[in-house]
Protein backbone atom coordinates (compact mmCIF):
# COMPACT_ATOMS: atom_id res chain seq x y z
CA MET A 1 -20.20 12.89 11.76
CA PRO A 2 -17.50 12.02 14.20
CA LYS A 3 -13.89 11.48 12.84
CA GLN A 4 -12.93 7.94 12.60
CA LYS A 5 -10.05 6.88 14.80
CA TYR A 6 -7.52 4.88 12.79
CA PRO A 7 -5.28 2.30 14.36
CA ARG A 8 -2.12 3.54 15.89
CA SER A 9 0.05 2.79 12.96
CA PHE A 10 -1.91 5.01 10.54
CA ARG A 11 -3.22 7.83 12.88
CA ASN A 12 -0.53 10.49 11.87
CA LEU A 13 -0.55 9.75 8.10
CA PRO A 14 -1.44 12.63 5.71
CA PRO A 15 -4.40 11.92 3.58
CA ALA A 16 -2.44 11.19 0.52
CA GLN A 17 -0.30 8.59 2.20
CA LEU A 18 -3.42 6.98 3.78
CA ALA A 19 -5.10 6.68 0.27
CA VAL A 20 -1.90 5.19 -1.18
CA PHE A 21 -1.45 2.73 1.64
CA GLY A 22 -5.15 1.65 0.92
CA GLN A 23 -4.35 1.19 -2.68
CA ILE A 24 -1.20 -0.90 -1.97
CA ALA A 25 -3.00 -2.97 0.65
CA VAL A 26 -5.38 -4.18 -2.06
CA SER A 27 -2.45 -4.86 -4.59
CA LEU A 28 -2.75 -1.53 -6.61
CA ASP A 29 0.84 -0.61 -6.15
CA SER A 30 1.63 1.27 -9.43
CA GLY A 31 1.10 4.83 -10.73
CA HIS A 32 1.63 6.51 -7.31
CA ASN A 33 3.76 9.30 -6.29
CA PRO A 34 7.32 8.01 -5.48
CA ARG A 35 7.65 10.42 -2.69
CA THR A 36 4.61 9.00 -0.94
CA ILE A 37 5.49 5.50 -1.37
CA ASP A 38 9.14 6.30 0.03
CA ALA A 39 7.52 7.90 3.05
CA LEU A 40 5.51 4.70 3.58
CA VAL A 41 8.46 2.56 3.21
CA ARG A 42 10.54 4.54 5.72
CA LYS A 43 7.47 4.29 8.28
CA GLY A 44 7.58 0.39 7.66
CA LEU A 45 4.03 0.47 6.44
CA VAL A 46 5.05 -0.91 3.04
CA VAL A 47 8.00 -2.98 1.77
CA SER A 48 9.45 -2.81 -1.70
CA VAL A 49 10.44 -6.10 -3.68
CA LEU A 50 12.48 -6.08 -6.77
CA GLU A 51 10.75 -8.45 -9.25
CA PRO A 52 11.66 -9.47 -12.76
CA LEU A 53 9.15 -8.89 -15.53
CA ARG A 54 7.83 -12.02 -16.80
CA ASP A 55 7.54 -11.36 -20.38
CA THR A 56 11.29 -10.89 -21.24
CA PRO A 57 12.10 -12.25 -24.66
CA PRO A 58 14.82 -14.96 -24.70
CA GLY A 59 18.41 -13.70 -25.10
CA GLN A 60 17.22 -10.26 -23.88
CA PRO A 61 18.29 -8.83 -20.47
CA VAL A 62 15.93 -9.26 -17.71
CA THR A 63 14.05 -6.02 -16.58
CA TYR A 64 13.19 -5.59 -13.02
CA LEU A 65 10.43 -3.67 -11.54
CA TYR A 66 9.81 -2.53 -8.04
CA ARG A 67 6.54 -3.69 -6.55
CA TYR A 68 5.07 -2.70 -3.19
CA SER A 69 3.28 -4.83 -0.41
CA VAL A 70 2.18 -4.27 3.13
CA PRO A 71 3.90 -6.61 5.64
CA LEU A 72 1.56 -9.19 7.06
CA PRO A 73 1.09 -7.75 10.76
CA ILE A 74 0.35 -4.31 9.36
CA HIS A 75 -2.13 -5.83 6.78
CA MET A 76 -3.85 -7.69 9.59
CA GLU A 77 -4.11 -4.50 11.63
CA TRP A 78 -5.54 -2.62 8.68
CA CYS A 79 -8.01 -5.47 7.89
CA GLN A 80 -9.34 -5.58 11.50
CA TRP A 81 -10.08 -1.88 11.44
CA CYS A 82 -11.72 -1.98 8.02
CA ALA A 83 -13.89 -4.79 9.17
CA GLY A 84 -15.29 -2.56 11.95
CA HIS A 85 -15.71 0.39 9.83
CA PRO A 86 -17.68 -0.56 6.60
CA VAL A 87 -17.53 1.81 3.73
CA ALA A 88 -21.13 3.19 2.75
CA GLU A 89 -22.19 1.87 -0.55
CA THR A 90 -22.23 4.42 -3.43
CA VAL A 91 -25.38 4.67 -5.70
């Protein structure tokens, strides 16, 4: 089977970074290796946002958590590529 050609933004990503990027692109942004996420942030493929936790009890200090997302132009490029390369269904 020929190797799939990824969009220019993703061509030189190691498999681990490509896998984590795919997870973040579908909002599964927790539990990943911090070094992998940092590499994606440095490359501009992922952005980090500091968000407050919602369930902070009254009178307690607010706890913040880093969340990660894909910038819209990068996400659109990824989605266009994915639309042309459907994943085989698993049985």
